Amino acid sequence: MTLTDGNNPTLSLAGKDYCFYRLFYNCQALISAPVLPAATLAPSCYRSMFEGCTGITLYEDGTGPTWGIPAGAQAVSDWNTDMLAGTGGTFTGNPVIGTDYYYTPLPASVDVTINGIELYESGSSGEGWTYVLPTLTLTNAGPFTISGTNMMGQVCVVVAAGVTSEVTLSNLTLKATDDGQCSFALESGANVSLFLAGTNTFASGRNRAGLEVADGRSPSPTHPAMTRASAAAPDSDSPAARARHYPSPAARSWQSAARAAHRVSAAALATWRKAIPATRRTSPARTTLPAAPSA
């Protein structure tokens, strides 16, 4: 709908002060603002025009259809005062001439990226991966680089069953918020070459490891400067085996082995795989993986 003024409409509202003042005031059934083509405005012409129209939702950043005042319009005193006050979007200020406002907001980000692609609460996908809140599933060889910080339990990385994949964790911090939630886990038969860049921290829910490796799953933690290593999971299906993890540096020092040989040794891997002590199994497991030293 296009809204003008008078029986012989023009693009001028000159001399028509307050012409649309509170025209749609508190009209909650109105869900979109009409087109306002006037180029010559009048004092208070659009003042409080849509005030209280909660059905109108406008955003400064978004997608899809837009609404705005034409770029060629000439501003006068109070022409837009409280024009969008009390409307339903996040933009409820006075509109700026020549600026587009969106009816649909951008999807909310969870502040984590994979291969530079943002993950959104509404879902995301790319080559070899899908994200459906809260699970980021890796389904092919990659390579994948995962970065960012989410402390709200909105990202749990899972390497799909039977997949062999190359994953770089680059300054990634993930924290679970629910019991039983695991920040990074390998499904049955999964194999991962795991590269570390920067500091990476995982905090899972109760009785789950920060980075969980169980029977039939194989990680190879390494670093670009290291020789890639391989590892096989122990032949056990005990609760202890299902709770394998890489402990924090305070609990297990794996950096010394990395510094000494610049590779993941079998002995170091066995140390990392020790089950969570009984005193820790009742609290969330926290795993911090610092980057290995440069060559």
C-alpha atoms as a PDB file:
ATOM      1  CA  MET A   1       0.000   0.000   0.000  1.00  0.00           C
ATOM      2  CA  THR A   2       1.211   3.493  -0.879  1.00  0.00           C
ATOM      3  CA  LEU A   3       0.035   6.331   1.309  1.00  0.00           C
ATOM      4  CA  THR A   4      -0.136   9.939   0.095  1.00  0.00           C
ATOM      5  CA  ASP A   5      -2.265  12.911   1.145  1.00  0.00           C
ATOM      6  CA  GLY A   6      -5.178  14.681  -0.488  1.00  0.00           C
ATOM      7  CA  ASN A   7      -7.494  14.081  -3.421  1.00  0.00           C
ATOM      8  CA  ASN A   8      -4.769  14.996  -5.883  1.00  0.00           C
ATOM      9  CA  PRO A   9      -1.757  13.336  -4.351  1.00  0.00           C
ATOM     10  CA  THR A  10       1.721  14.563  -5.099  1.00  0.00           C
ATOM     11  CA  LEU A  11       5.094  13.843  -3.613  1.00  0.00           C
ATOM     12  CA  SER A  12       4.884  16.964  -1.484  1.00  0.00           C
ATOM     13  CA  LEU A  13       3.439  17.360   2.002  1.00  0.00           C
ATOM     14  CA  ALA A  14       4.311  21.058   2.092  1.00  0.00           C
ATOM     15  CA  GLY A  15       1.917  22.999   4.324  1.00  0.00           C
ATOM     16  CA  LYS A  16       0.374  19.791   5.712  1.00  0.00           C
ATOM     17  CA  ASP A  17       1.799  19.841   9.194  1.00  0.00           C
ATOM     18  CA  TYR A  18       0.798  16.852  11.385  1.00  0.00           C
ATOM     19  CA  CYS A  19      -1.039  15.309   8.398  1.00  0.00           C
ATOM     20  CA  PHE A  20      -0.400  11.681   9.482  1.00  0.00           C
ATOM     21  CA  TYR A  21       0.049  12.304  13.185  1.00  0.00           C
ATOM     22  CA  ARG A  22      -0.944   9.112  15.084  1.00  0.00           C
ATOM     23  CA  LEU A  23      -2.720   7.797  11.997  1.00  0.00           C
ATOM     24  CA  PHE A  24      -2.224   4.149  12.999  1.00  0.00           C
ATOM     25  CA  TYR A  25      -1.639   4.729  16.699  1.00  0.00           C
ATOM     26  CA  ASN A  26      -1.806   1.468  18.679  1.00  0.00           C
ATOM     27  CA  CYS A  27      -3.109  -0.493  15.662  1.00  0.00           C
ATOM     28  CA  GLN A  28      -1.677  -3.847  16.680  1.00  0.00           C
ATOM     29  CA  ALA A  29      -3.206  -5.690  13.710  1.00  0.00           C
ATOM     30  CA  LEU A  30      -1.040  -3.727  11.276  1.00  0.00           C
ATOM     31  CA  ILE A  31       1.910  -5.905  10.284  1.00  0.00           C
ATOM     32  CA  SER A  32       3.608  -3.790   7.613  1.00  0.00           C
ATOM     33  CA  ALA A  33       4.029  -0.064   7.141  1.00  0.00           C
ATOM     34  CA  PRO A  34       2.665   1.512   3.954  1.00  0.00           C
ATOM     35  CA  VAL A  35       5.007   2.995   1.368  1.00  0.00           C
ATOM     36  CA  LEU A  36       5.504   6.695   2.064  1.00  0.00           C
ATOM     37  CA  PRO A  37       6.737   8.247  -1.204  1.00  0.00           C
ATOM     38  CA  ALA A  38       6.632  11.942  -0.282  1.00  0.00           C
ATOM     39  CA  ALA A  39       9.867  13.772  -1.047  1.00  0.00           C
ATOM     40  CA  THR A  40       8.865  17.086   0.547  1.00  0.00           C
ATOM     41  CA  LEU A  41       7.978  16.590   4.185  1.00  0.00           C
ATOM     42  CA  ALA A  42       6.153  18.791   6.659  1.00  0.00           C
ATOM     43  CA  PRO A  43       6.743  19.432  10.371  1.00  0.00           C
ATOM     44  CA  SER A  44       5.501  16.454  12.425  1.00  0.00           C
ATOM     45  CA  CYS A  45       3.974  14.884   9.287  1.00  0.00           C
ATOM     46  CA  TYR A  46       4.786  11.322  10.423  1.00  0.00           C
ATOM     47  CA  ARG A  47       4.948  12.000  14.141  1.00  0.00           C
ATOM     48  CA  SER A  48       3.847   8.943  16.193  1.00  0.00           C
ATOM     49  CA  MET A  49       2.368   7.528  12.985  1.00  0.00           C
ATOM     50  CA  PHE A  50       2.931   3.867  13.937  1.00  0.00           C
ATOM     51  CA  GLU A  51       3.390   4.264  17.666  1.00  0.00           C
ATOM     52  CA  GLY A  52       2.229   1.183  19.547  1.00  0.00           C
ATOM     53  CA  CYS A  53       1.819  -0.934  16.390  1.00  0.00           C
ATOM     54  CA  THR A  54       3.390  -4.065  17.836  1.00  0.00           C
ATOM     55  CA  GLY A  55       2.628  -6.062  14.685  1.00  0.00           C
ATOM     56  CA  ILE A  56       5.190  -4.022  12.746  1.00  0.00           C
ATOM     57  CA  THR A  57       8.627  -5.549  13.279  1.00  0.00           C
ATOM     58  CA  LEU A  58      11.583  -3.691  11.807  1.00  0.00           C
ATOM     59  CA  TYR A  59      15.304  -4.420  12.194  1.00  0.00           C
ATOM     60  CA  GLU A  60      18.441  -2.536  11.217  1.00  0.00           C
ATOM     61  CA  ASP A  61      20.034  -5.753   9.917  1.00  0.00           C
ATOM     62  CA  GLY A  62      18.087  -8.533   8.313  1.00  0.00           C
ATOM     63  CA  THR A  63      16.883 -10.252   5.166  1.00  0.00           C
ATOM     64  CA  GLY A  64      13.919 -10.094   2.817  1.00  0.00           C
ATOM     65  CA  PRO A  65      11.512  -7.178   2.291  1.00  0.00           C
ATOM     66  CA  THR A  66      12.486  -3.717   3.455  1.00  0.00           C
ATOM     67  CA  TRP A  67      10.782  -0.447   4.360  1.00  0.00           C
ATOM     68  CA  GLY A  68      12.094   3.085   4.527  1.00  0.00           C
ATOM     69  CA  ILE A  69      11.765   6.770   3.671  1.00  0.00           C
ATOM     70  CA  PRO A  70      12.949   7.685   0.118  1.00  0.00           C
ATOM     71  CA  ALA A  71      16.529   8.868  -0.157  1.00  0.00           C
ATOM     72  CA  GLY A  72      15.473  12.125  -1.827  1.00  0.00           C
ATOM     73  CA  ALA A  73      13.128  13.240   0.956  1.00  0.00           C
ATOM     74  CA  GLN A  74      13.837  16.586   2.593  1.00  0.00           C
ATOM     75  CA  ALA A  75      13.868  16.544   6.389  1.00  0.00           C
ATOM     76  CA  VAL A  76      12.052  19.178   8.442  1.00  0.00           C
ATOM     77  CA  SER A  77      11.498  19.618  12.162  1.00  0.00           C
ATOM     78  CA  ASP A  78      10.013  16.647  14.048  1.00  0.00           C
ATOM     79  CA  TRP A  79       8.899  14.937  10.847  1.00  0.00           C
ATOM     80  CA  ASN A  80       9.672  11.470  12.310  1.00  0.00           C
ATOM     81  CA  THR A  81       9.444  11.955  16.092  1.00  0.00           C
ATOM     82  CA  ASP A  82       8.261   8.718  17.797  1.00  0.00           C
ATOM     83  CA  MET A  83       7.208   7.418  14.400  1.00  0.00           C
ATOM     84  CA  LEU A  84       8.043   3.795  15.307  1.00  0.00           C
ATOM     85  CA  ALA A  85       7.932   4.015  19.102  1.00  0.00           C
ATOM     86  CA  GLY A  86       6.533   0.863  20.671  1.00  0.00           C
ATOM     87  CA  THR A  87       6.599  -1.227  17.509  1.00  0.00           C
ATOM     88  CA  GLY A  88       7.511  -4.897  17.686  1.00  0.00           C
ATOM     89  CA  GLY A  89      10.993  -5.121  16.181  1.00  0.00           C
ATOM     90  CA  THR A  90      14.351  -4.200  17.608  1.00  0.00           C
ATOM     91  CA  PHE A  91      14.404  -0.920  15.711  1.00  0.00           C
ATOM     92  CA  THR A  92      11.944   1.449  17.372  1.00  0.00           C
ATOM     93  CA  GLY A  93      13.814   4.691  16.869  1.00  0.00           C
ATOM     94  CA  ASN A  94      13.198   7.523  14.426  1.00  0.00           C
ATOM     95  CA  PRO A  95      13.831   6.338  10.847  1.00  0.00           C
ATOM     96  CA  VAL A  96      16.610   7.928   8.844  1.00  0.00           C
ATOM     97  CA  ILE A  97      15.948   9.175   5.326  1.00  0.00           C
ATOM     98  CA  GLY A  98      17.388   6.810   2.718  1.00  0.00           C
ATOM     99  CA  THR A  99      17.932   3.919   5.145  1.00  0.00           C
ATOM    100  CA  ASP A 100      16.301   0.530   4.588  1.00  0.00           C
ATOM    101  CA  TYR A 101      14.876  -1.377   7.553  1.00  0.00           C
ATOM    102  CA  TYR A 102      14.152  -5.089   7.399  1.00  0.00           C
ATOM    103  CA  TYR A 103      11.027  -7.008   8.371  1.00  0.00           C
ATOM    104  CA  THR A 104      12.987 -10.220   9.012  1.00  0.00           C
ATOM    105  CA  PRO A 105      16.017 -10.198  11.332  1.00  0.00           C
ATOM    106  CA  LEU A 106      19.244 -12.019  10.653  1.00  0.00           C
ATOM    107  CA  PRO A 107      19.302 -15.461  12.281  1.00  0.00           C
ATOM    108  CA  ALA A 108      20.953 -15.573  15.691  1.00  0.00           C
ATOM    109  CA  SER A 109      24.553 -16.758  15.670  1.00  0.00           C
ATOM    110  CA  VAL A 110      25.984 -19.182  18.230  1.00  0.00           C
ATOM    111  CA  ASP A 111      29.412 -17.501  17.854  1.00  0.00           C
ATOM    112  CA  VAL A 112      31.136 -20.561  16.424  1.00  0.00           C
ATOM    113  CA  THR A 113      32.394 -21.013  12.852  1.00  0.00           C
ATOM    114  CA  ILE A 114      33.375 -24.038  10.801  1.00  0.00           C
ATOM    115  CA  ASN A 115      35.653 -23.355   7.850  1.00  0.00           C
ATOM    116  CA  GLY A 116      34.789 -19.686   8.301  1.00  0.00           C
ATOM    117  CA  ILE A 117      31.021 -20.269   8.030  1.00  0.00           C
ATOM    118  CA  GLU A 118      28.878 -18.965  10.883  1.00  0.00           C
ATOM    119  CA  LEU A 119      26.628 -21.377  12.774  1.00  0.00           C
ATOM    120  CA  TYR A 120      23.093 -20.084  13.386  1.00  0.00           C
ATOM    121  CA  GLU A 121      20.494 -21.182  15.906  1.00  0.00           C
ATOM    122  CA  SER A 122      18.073 -21.811  13.044  1.00  0.00           C
ATOM    123  CA  GLY A 123      20.497 -24.336  11.534  1.00  0.00           C
ATOM    124  CA  SER A 124      23.406 -24.334   9.104  1.00  0.00           C
ATOM    125  CA  SER A 125      25.057 -26.767   6.707  1.00  0.00           C
ATOM    126  CA  GLY A 126      28.001 -27.091   4.357  1.00  0.00           C
ATOM    127  CA  GLU A 127      30.132 -29.629   2.562  1.00  0.00           C
ATOM    128  CA  GLY A 128      30.545 -32.555   4.932  1.00  0.00           C
ATOM    129  CA  TRP A 129      28.793 -31.057   7.949  1.00  0.00           C
ATOM    130  CA  THR A 130      25.398 -30.126   9.345  1.00  0.00           C
ATOM    131  CA  TYR A 131      24.411 -28.086  12.367  1.00  0.00           C
ATOM    132  CA  VAL A 132      21.073 -28.625  14.067  1.00  0.00           C
ATOM    133  CA  LEU A 133      21.010 -26.991  17.485  1.00  0.00           C
ATOM    134  CA  PRO A 134      23.004 -28.070  19.476  1.00  0.00           C
ATOM    135  CA  THR A 135      24.816 -30.733  17.402  1.00  0.00           C
ATOM    136  CA  LEU A 136      27.497 -30.027  14.809  1.00  0.00           C
ATOM    137  CA  THR A 137      27.949 -33.317  12.934  1.00  0.00           C
ATOM    138  CA  LEU A 138      30.999 -33.967  10.758  1.00  0.00           C
ATOM    139  CA  THR A 139      30.229 -36.486   8.021  1.00  0.00           C
ATOM    140  CA  ASN A 140      33.271 -36.637   5.745  1.00  0.00           C
ATOM    141  CA  ALA A 141      37.048 -36.305   5.644  1.00  0.00           C
ATOM    142  CA  GLY A 142      37.092 -32.521   5.748  1.00  0.00           C
ATOM    143  CA  PRO A 143      39.409 -30.844   6.498  1.00  0.00           C
ATOM    144  CA  PHE A 144      37.471 -28.814   9.057  1.00  0.00           C
ATOM    145  CA  THR A 145      38.567 -25.849  11.149  1.00  0.00           C
ATOM    146  CA  ILE A 146      36.302 -25.017  14.084  1.00  0.00           C
ATOM    147  CA  SER A 147      36.686 -21.762  16.005  1.00  0.00           C
ATOM    148  CA  GLY A 148      34.819 -19.538  18.434  1.00  0.00           C
ATOM    149  CA  THR A 149      33.289 -19.530  21.890  1.00  0.00           C
ATOM    150  CA  ASN A 150      29.921 -20.822  23.061  1.00  0.00           C
ATOM    151  CA  MET A 151      29.244 -21.147  26.784  1.00  0.00           C
ATOM    152  CA  MET A 152      25.501 -21.825  26.439  1.00  0.00           C
ATOM    153  CA  GLY A 153      25.557 -25.507  25.477  1.00  0.00           C
ATOM    154  CA  GLN A 154      24.569 -24.661  21.908  1.00  0.00           C
ATOM    155  CA  VAL A 155      27.439 -26.465  20.171  1.00  0.00           C
ATOM    156  CA  CYS A 156      28.375 -30.118  20.634  1.00  0.00           C
ATOM    157  CA  VAL A 157      30.729 -31.512  17.986  1.00  0.00           C
ATOM    158  CA  VAL A 158      30.118 -35.109  16.861  1.00  0.00           C
ATOM    159  CA  VAL A 159      32.194 -37.053  14.343  1.00  0.00           C
ATOM    160  CA  ALA A 160      29.724 -39.404  12.666  1.00  0.00           C
ATOM    161  CA  ALA A 161      30.027 -43.179  12.874  1.00  0.00           C
ATOM    162  CA  GLY A 162      32.631 -44.701  10.558  1.00  0.00           C
ATOM    163  CA  VAL A 163      33.965 -41.333   9.382  1.00  0.00           C
ATOM    164  CA  THR A 164      37.686 -40.608   9.051  1.00  0.00           C
ATOM    165  CA  SER A 165      38.197 -36.887   9.333  1.00  0.00           C
ATOM    166  CA  GLU A 166      40.813 -34.166   9.753  1.00  0.00           C
ATOM    167  CA  VAL A 167      39.810 -31.499  12.301  1.00  0.00           C
ATOM    168  CA  THR A 168      41.612 -28.368  13.458  1.00  0.00           C
ATOM    169  CA  LEU A 169      40.483 -26.800  16.709  1.00  0.00           C
ATOM    170  CA  SER A 170      41.486 -23.148  16.575  1.00  0.00           C
ATOM    171  CA  ASN A 171      40.872 -21.201  19.790  1.00  0.00           C
ATOM    172  CA  LEU A 172      37.643 -23.090  20.375  1.00  0.00           C
ATOM    173  CA  THR A 173      35.822 -22.953  23.711  1.00  0.00           C
ATOM    174  CA  LEU A 174      32.673 -25.013  24.248  1.00  0.00           C
ATOM    175  CA  LYS A 175      30.763 -25.447  27.492  1.00  0.00           C
ATOM    176  CA  ALA A 176      27.848 -27.816  28.037  1.00  0.00           C
ATOM    177  CA  THR A 177      24.875 -26.747  30.129  1.00  0.00           C
ATOM    178  CA  ASP A 178      23.016 -30.067  30.491  1.00  0.00           C
ATOM    179  CA  ASP A 179      23.962 -33.311  32.195  1.00  0.00           C
ATOM    180  CA  GLY A 180      24.976 -35.932  29.657  1.00  0.00           C
ATOM    181  CA  GLN A 181      25.982 -33.320  27.077  1.00  0.00           C
ATOM    182  CA  CYS A 182      29.428 -33.813  25.548  1.00  0.00           C
ATOM    183  CA  SER A 183      31.343 -30.989  23.885  1.00  0.00           C
ATOM    184  CA  PHE A 184      33.273 -33.196  21.439  1.00  0.00           C
ATOM    185  CA  ALA A 185      32.591 -36.884  20.841  1.00  0.00           C
ATOM    186  CA  LEU A 186      33.419 -39.583  18.312  1.00  0.00           C
ATOM    187  CA  GLU A 187      30.713 -42.051  17.285  1.00  0.00           C
ATOM    188  CA  SER A 188      31.412 -45.751  16.714  1.00  0.00           C
ATOM    189  CA  GLY A 189      34.262 -46.424  14.314  1.00  0.00           C
ATOM    190  CA  ALA A 190      35.167 -42.753  13.839  1.00  0.00           C
ATOM    191  CA  ASN A 191      38.809 -41.780  13.284  1.00  0.00           C
ATOM    192  CA  VAL A 192      40.087 -38.222  13.639  1.00  0.00           C
ATOM    193  CA  SER A 193      43.378 -36.473  12.961  1.00  0.00           C
ATOM    194  CA  LEU A 194      43.115 -33.660  15.475  1.00  0.00           C
ATOM    195  CA  PHE A 195      45.156 -30.484  14.983  1.00  0.00           C
ATOM    196  CA  LEU A 196      45.417 -27.848  17.702  1.00  0.00           C
ATOM    197  CA  ALA A 197      45.895 -24.113  17.194  1.00  0.00           C
ATOM    198  CA  GLY A 198      45.811 -21.685  20.101  1.00  0.00           C
ATOM    199  CA  THR A 199      44.014 -22.718  23.294  1.00  0.00           C
ATOM    200  CA  ASN A 200      40.983 -24.992  23.119  1.00  0.00           C
ATOM    201  CA  THR A 201      38.753 -25.718  26.103  1.00  0.00           C
ATOM    202  CA  PHE A 202      35.849 -28.171  26.405  1.00  0.00           C
ATOM    203  CA  ALA A 203      33.572 -28.481  29.443  1.00  0.00           C
ATOM    204  CA  SER A 204      31.038 -31.296  29.218  1.00  0.00           C
ATOM    205  CA  GLY A 205      28.146 -32.341  31.431  1.00  0.00           C
ATOM    206  CA  ARG A 206      28.254 -34.818  34.292  1.00  0.00           C
ATOM    207  CA  ASN A 207      29.831 -38.194  33.525  1.00  0.00           C
ATOM    208  CA  ARG A 208      30.961 -37.032  30.082  1.00  0.00           C
ATOM    209  CA  ALA A 209      34.529 -36.267  29.080  1.00  0.00           C
ATOM    210  CA  GLY A 210      35.458 -32.904  27.649  1.00  0.00           C
ATOM    211  CA  LEU A 211      36.775 -34.687  24.552  1.00  0.00           C
ATOM    212  CA  GLU A 212      35.297 -38.159  24.600  1.00  0.00           C
ATOM    213  CA  VAL A 213      36.860 -41.196  22.975  1.00  0.00           C
ATOM    214  CA  ALA A 214      35.339 -44.624  23.556  1.00  0.00           C
ATOM    215  CA  ASP A 215      35.730 -48.145  22.248  1.00  0.00           C
ATOM    216  CA  GLY A 216      36.313 -48.396  18.513  1.00  0.00           C
ATOM    217  CA  ARG A 217      37.102 -44.697  18.051  1.00  0.00           C
ATOM    218  CA  SER A 218      40.501 -43.236  17.271  1.00  0.00           C
ATOM    219  CA  PRO A 219      41.827 -39.680  17.693  1.00  0.00           C
ATOM    220  CA  SER A 220      45.263 -38.515  16.615  1.00  0.00           C
ATOM    221  CA  PRO A 221      45.972 -35.260  18.492  1.00  0.00           C
ATOM    222  CA  THR A 222      48.739 -33.390  16.740  1.00  0.00           C
ATOM    223  CA  HIS A 223      49.947 -30.016  15.539  1.00  0.00           C
ATOM    224  CA  PRO A 224      51.017 -28.684  12.120  1.00  0.00           C
ATOM    225  CA  ALA A 225      54.660 -28.919  13.255  1.00  0.00           C
ATOM    226  CA  MET A 226      54.275 -32.526  14.389  1.00  0.00           C
ATOM    227  CA  THR A 227      54.258 -35.852  12.614  1.00  0.00           C
ATOM    228  CA  ARG A 228      50.717 -37.160  12.509  1.00  0.00           C
ATOM    229  CA  ALA A 229      50.199 -40.074  14.878  1.00  0.00           C
ATOM    230  CA  SER A 230      47.607 -42.807  14.996  1.00  0.00           C
ATOM    231  CA  ALA A 231      45.988 -44.517  17.945  1.00  0.00           C
ATOM    232  CA  ALA A 232      43.568 -47.355  18.528  1.00  0.00           C
ATOM    233  CA  ALA A 233      41.002 -47.487  21.293  1.00  0.00           C
ATOM    234  CA  PRO A 234      41.375 -50.230  23.917  1.00  0.00           C
ATOM    235  CA  ASP A 235      39.301 -53.356  23.663  1.00  0.00           C
ATOM    236  CA  SER A 236      36.843 -52.550  26.413  1.00  0.00           C
ATOM    237  CA  ASP A 237      33.242 -51.491  26.696  1.00  0.00           C
ATOM    238  CA  SER A 238      33.408 -50.661  30.381  1.00  0.00           C
ATOM    239  CA  PRO A 239      32.076 -47.381  31.787  1.00  0.00           C
ATOM    240  CA  ALA A 240      35.689 -46.309  32.250  1.00  0.00           C
ATOM    241  CA  ALA A 241      36.427 -46.889  28.566  1.00  0.00           C
ATOM    242  CA  ARG A 242      33.377 -44.877  27.563  1.00  0.00           C
ATOM    243  CA  ALA A 243      34.654 -41.988  29.626  1.00  0.00           C
ATOM    244  CA  ARG A 244      38.114 -41.574  28.049  1.00  0.00           C
ATOM    245  CA  HIS A 245      39.234 -37.959  27.905  1.00  0.00           C
ATOM    246  CA  TYR A 246      42.165 -35.609  27.536  1.00  0.00           C
ATOM    247  CA  PRO A 247      42.596 -34.179  31.031  1.00  0.00           C
ATOM    248  CA  SER A 248      43.468 -30.561  31.742  1.00  0.00           C
ATOM    249  CA  PRO A 249      47.188 -29.678  31.948  1.00  0.00           C
ATOM    250  CA  ALA A 250      46.859 -29.509  35.740  1.00  0.00           C
ATOM    251  CA  ALA A 251      45.785 -33.157  35.839  1.00  0.00           C
ATOM    252  CA  ARG A 252      47.929 -34.664  33.016  1.00  0.00           C
ATOM    253  CA  SER A 253      50.872 -33.017  31.324  1.00  0.00           C
ATOM    254  CA  TRP A 254      50.990 -34.042  27.717  1.00  0.00           C
ATOM    255  CA  GLN A 255      52.917 -31.018  26.516  1.00  0.00           C
ATOM    256  CA  SER A 256      56.226 -32.452  27.724  1.00  0.00           C
ATOM    257  CA  ALA A 257      55.865 -35.389  25.361  1.00  0.00           C
ATOM    258  CA  ALA A 258      54.924 -33.071  22.512  1.00  0.00           C
ATOM    259  CA  ARG A 259      57.905 -30.810  23.153  1.00  0.00           C
ATOM    260  CA  ALA A 260      60.289 -33.734  23.354  1.00  0.00           C
ATOM    261  CA  ALA A 261      59.353 -35.429  20.092  1.00  0.00           C
ATOM    262  CA  HIS A 262      56.930 -33.064  18.384  1.00  0.00           C
ATOM    263  CA  ARG A 263      54.611 -35.962  17.904  1.00  0.00           C
ATOM    264  CA  VAL A 264      52.009 -37.855  19.866  1.00  0.00           C
ATOM    265  CA  SER A 265      53.645 -40.930  21.302  1.00  0.00           C
ATOM    266  CA  ALA A 266      51.787 -44.081  22.197  1.00  0.00           C
ATOM    267  CA  ALA A 267      52.835 -43.652  25.825  1.00  0.00           C
ATOM    268  CA  ALA A 268      51.490 -40.091  25.954  1.00  0.00           C
ATOM    269  CA  LEU A 269      48.253 -41.166  24.301  1.00  0.00           C
ATOM    270  CA  ALA A 270      47.832 -43.939  26.851  1.00  0.00           C
ATOM    271  CA  THR A 271      48.323 -41.378  29.641  1.00  0.00           C
ATOM    272  CA  TRP A 272      45.702 -39.066  28.148  1.00  0.00           C
ATOM    273  CA  ARG A 273      43.249 -41.926  27.924  1.00  0.00           C
ATOM    274  CA  LYS A 274      43.177 -42.706  31.637  1.00  0.00           C
ATOM    275  CA  ALA A 275      39.642 -42.778  32.956  1.00  0.00           C
ATOM    276  CA  ILE A 276      38.320 -39.803  34.896  1.00  0.00           C
ATOM    277  CA  PRO A 277      39.094 -40.349  38.600  1.00  0.00           C
ATOM    278  CA  ALA A 278      36.112 -41.245  40.766  1.00  0.00           C
ATOM    279  CA  THR A 279      36.281 -37.881  42.495  1.00  0.00           C
ATOM    280  CA  ARG A 280      35.770 -36.135  39.143  1.00  0.00           C
ATOM    281  CA  ARG A 281      33.100 -38.374  37.631  1.00  0.00           C
ATOM    282  CA  THR A 282      30.392 -36.616  39.617  1.00  0.00           C
ATOM    283  CA  SER A 283      31.243 -33.183  38.240  1.00  0.00           C
ATOM    284  CA  PRO A 284      31.493 -31.815  34.704  1.00  0.00           C
ATOM    285  CA  ALA A 285      34.672 -32.802  32.909  1.00  0.00           C
ATOM    286  CA  ARG A 286      36.760 -29.877  31.735  1.00  0.00           C
ATOM    287  CA  THR A 287      39.478 -30.366  29.141  1.00  0.00           C
ATOM    288  CA  THR A 288      41.914 -27.686  28.020  1.00  0.00           C
ATOM    289  CA  LEU A 289      44.076 -28.440  24.994  1.00  0.00           C
ATOM    290  CA  PRO A 290      46.841 -25.848  24.562  1.00  0.00           C
ATOM    291  CA  ALA A 291      48.658 -25.628  21.263  1.00  0.00           C
ATOM    292  CA  ALA A 292      51.882 -27.598  20.956  1.00  0.00           C
ATOM    293  CA  PRO A 293      55.137 -25.609  20.742  1.00  0.00           C
ATOM    294  CA  SER A 294      56.553 -24.441  17.420  1.00  0.00           C
ATOM    295  CA  ALA A 295      59.272 -26.470  15.843  1.00  0.00           C
END
